Every structure is written in structure tokens, then in C-alpha cells.
Amino acid sequence: MTSSKPRSSPPEAAPATPAAVAASPPDVALVHRVTPDGTLHVIRRRGDQLEAGALSPLREGAPIQGEVLSLRPRENFPLLCDVEVLYKPPAAKPTDKPAPRAQRKGPAQVATDDYRDNWDSIWATKKSDALN
């Protein structure tokens, strides 16, 4: 028998069933305060953990602190939102030893304002030398 599908095609994924969706740990956030700048203060349930946090709107050019989330309010209770993680920063890798410092011999090189003023008084060119 010959199949109409080419052999190299990937197998079709089974559609998500309600049981499969229910098996995933819940990730919800309860909004309890909104500040004038648009920051949401939430209590988040991620699996079996409760966390308190603040969600700020993304601003162009501003650094991202933590995860980027999308909140989907529930119809029956708009302050309770389903959370979707859009971006999760990579976890920091633990290292055995700290990063090596630049090694130099001798004392630390510190230049104070007094040091710079005296340097200029010693090594600055004199006006009479500059004219000759």
C-alpha cells in the first residue's frame, strides 16, 4: 500500500485535550493595586508557590527587569488574570571561583585632584618656553 503523505513529514500532534490543559500547573495573578504610572501590584500563584510582585509596562529603550508577561483577565473576575510568560531571562550559571582580576605589581594607582594640580605645576609648559 502506498500512503499519500511523504515519508519525511513529521507526525501530526494530537490536539490539546481539557485533561492535558488541566494537568499543567496554574499560573494566575491577582491584581490588588494599580499605581498612577501603570504599575500593577499582584499576588501570583505559579504552581504551588505564592509570590508578591510588581508588573511595570514595557517602555521602549528601558531595560527589562525579570520576565515579560501577558495577563489575560478572566470574564467572571477581571482582577484575576491568567499569566502567559513571553520571555524568561536565562538563569545565572554558578561558578566555582570568581572572575579573575587584572593583576598589577606595585601600589594602587590613585590620582587625586591635588596630585593632578601638582603634576600640572611641574610638567606644564611655561609661557616663555612656548613663545620661543
Protein backbone atom coordinates (compact mmCIF):
# COMPACT_ATOMS: atom_id res chain seq x y z
CA MET A 1 0.00 0.00 0.00
CA THR A 2 1.15 3.49 -0.75
CA SER A 3 0.45 6.41 1.58
CA SER A 4 -0.42 9.83 0.17
CA LYS A 5 1.86 11.51 2.75
CA PRO A 6 5.60 11.78 2.07
CA ARG A 7 7.74 9.71 4.44
CA SER A 8 9.74 12.70 5.75
CA SER A 9 6.73 14.60 7.11
CA PRO A 10 6.62 14.91 10.91
CA PRO A 11 3.83 13.12 12.76
CA GLU A 12 0.79 15.22 13.46
CA ALA A 13 0.45 16.44 17.04
CA ALA A 14 -2.61 15.39 18.94
CA PRO A 15 -4.99 18.24 19.74
CA ALA A 16 -4.83 19.52 23.31
CA THR A 17 -7.42 17.89 25.49
CA PRO A 18 -9.01 19.56 28.52
CA ALA A 19 -7.31 16.97 30.74
CA ALA A 20 -3.89 17.90 29.33
CA VAL A 21 -4.56 21.61 29.86
CA ALA A 22 -5.79 20.98 33.41
CA ALA A 23 -2.65 18.95 34.19
CA SER A 24 -0.38 21.98 33.65
CA PRO A 25 0.27 23.93 36.86
CA PRO A 26 -1.87 27.06 37.19
CA ASP A 27 -0.18 30.41 36.67
CA VAL A 28 -2.52 33.20 37.76
CA ALA A 29 -2.11 36.70 39.17
CA LEU A 30 -4.46 38.67 41.41
CA VAL A 31 -4.19 42.44 40.93
CA HIS A 32 -4.53 44.23 44.27
CA ARG A 33 -3.19 47.72 43.47
CA VAL A 34 -2.54 49.93 40.46
CA THR A 35 -0.23 52.95 40.75
CA PRO A 36 -0.61 56.15 38.69
CA ASP A 37 2.36 55.21 36.47
CA GLY A 38 0.62 51.97 35.43
CA THR A 39 2.47 49.53 37.69
CA LEU A 40 0.34 46.59 38.81
CA HIS A 41 0.98 45.10 42.24
CA VAL A 42 0.00 41.45 42.15
CA ILE A 43 -0.04 38.23 44.10
CA ARG A 44 0.96 35.46 41.71
CA ARG A 45 0.33 31.75 42.05
CA ARG A 46 2.80 29.78 39.98
CA GLY A 47 2.21 26.09 40.54
CA ASP A 48 2.27 25.59 44.32
CA GLN A 49 4.16 28.83 45.08
CA LEU A 50 2.72 32.23 46.03
CA GLU A 51 4.73 35.31 45.10
CA ALA A 52 4.17 39.05 45.55
CA GLY A 53 5.43 41.31 42.82
CA ALA A 54 5.01 44.40 40.70
CA LEU A 55 4.44 44.45 36.95
CA SER A 56 5.51 47.55 35.05
CA PRO A 57 4.58 48.31 31.46
CA LEU A 58 7.37 47.86 28.93
CA ARG A 59 8.93 51.12 27.80
CA GLU A 60 10.98 51.48 24.64
CA GLY A 61 14.66 51.83 25.42
CA ALA A 62 14.27 50.86 29.09
CA PRO A 63 15.98 47.70 30.35
CA ILE A 64 13.85 44.63 31.04
CA GLN A 65 13.88 43.56 34.69
CA GLY A 66 12.80 39.94 35.09
CA GLU A 67 10.17 38.19 32.97
CA VAL A 68 7.91 39.63 30.28
CA LEU A 69 4.34 38.55 30.99
CA SER A 70 0.97 38.77 29.29
CA LEU A 71 -2.09 38.93 31.54
CA ARG A 72 -5.48 37.71 30.35
CA PRO A 73 -8.30 38.82 32.71
CA ARG A 74 -10.99 36.27 33.49
CA GLU A 75 -14.54 37.10 32.44
CA ASN A 76 -16.16 36.38 35.80
CA PHE A 77 -13.49 38.21 37.89
CA PRO A 78 -11.36 40.74 35.93
CA LEU A 79 -8.81 41.26 38.73
CA LEU A 80 -7.80 37.58 38.47
CA CYS A 81 -5.68 37.08 35.36
CA ASP A 82 -4.21 34.06 33.60
CA VAL A 83 -0.48 34.61 33.13
CA GLU A 84 1.48 33.77 29.99
CA VAL A 85 5.27 34.08 30.13
CA LEU A 86 6.50 35.69 26.90
CA TYR A 87 10.18 35.98 27.87
CA LYS A 88 12.15 34.45 30.73
CA PRO A 89 15.75 35.61 31.19
CA PRO A 90 18.42 32.92 31.25
CA ALA A 91 19.35 31.67 34.70
CA ALA A 92 22.70 32.76 36.07
CA LYS A 93 25.25 29.99 35.96
CA PRO A 94 27.00 29.36 39.27
CA THR A 95 30.77 29.41 39.00
CA ASP A 96 33.29 27.73 41.25
CA LYS A 97 35.58 30.72 41.52
CA PRO A 98 35.14 34.46 40.98
CA ALA A 99 36.25 36.14 37.78
CA PRO A 100 39.98 36.91 37.78
CA ARG A 101 41.00 40.50 38.45
CA ALA A 102 43.61 42.32 36.45
CA GLN A 103 46.90 41.72 38.24
CA ARG A 104 49.41 44.52 38.53
CA LYS A 105 52.56 44.93 40.51
CA GLY A 106 53.07 47.79 42.91
CA PRO A 107 50.69 50.00 44.82
CA ALA A 108 47.26 51.03 43.63
CA GLN A 109 47.34 53.91 41.20
CA VAL A 110 45.20 56.68 42.61
CA ALA A 111 45.13 60.17 41.17
CA THR A 112 43.58 62.87 43.36
CA ASP A 113 42.85 66.47 42.46
CA ASP A 114 45.91 67.62 44.47
CA TYR A 115 48.09 65.16 42.57
CA ARG A 116 46.80 66.47 39.23
CA ASP A 117 47.32 70.12 40.28
CA ASN A 118 50.90 69.44 41.31
CA TRP A 119 51.51 67.45 38.13
CA ASP A 120 50.38 70.41 36.05
CA SER A 121 52.55 72.82 38.05
CA ILE A 122 55.64 70.67 37.46
CA TRP A 123 55.15 69.48 33.89
CA ALA A 124 53.09 72.25 32.28
CA THR A 125 54.97 74.23 29.65
CA LYS A 126 55.92 77.74 30.67
CA LYS A 127 54.58 80.61 28.60
CA SER A 128 58.10 81.84 27.96
CA ASP A 129 59.13 78.39 26.63
CA ALA A 130 56.08 78.22 24.39
CA LEU A 131 56.87 81.56 22.75
CA ASN A 132 60.49 80.66 21.87
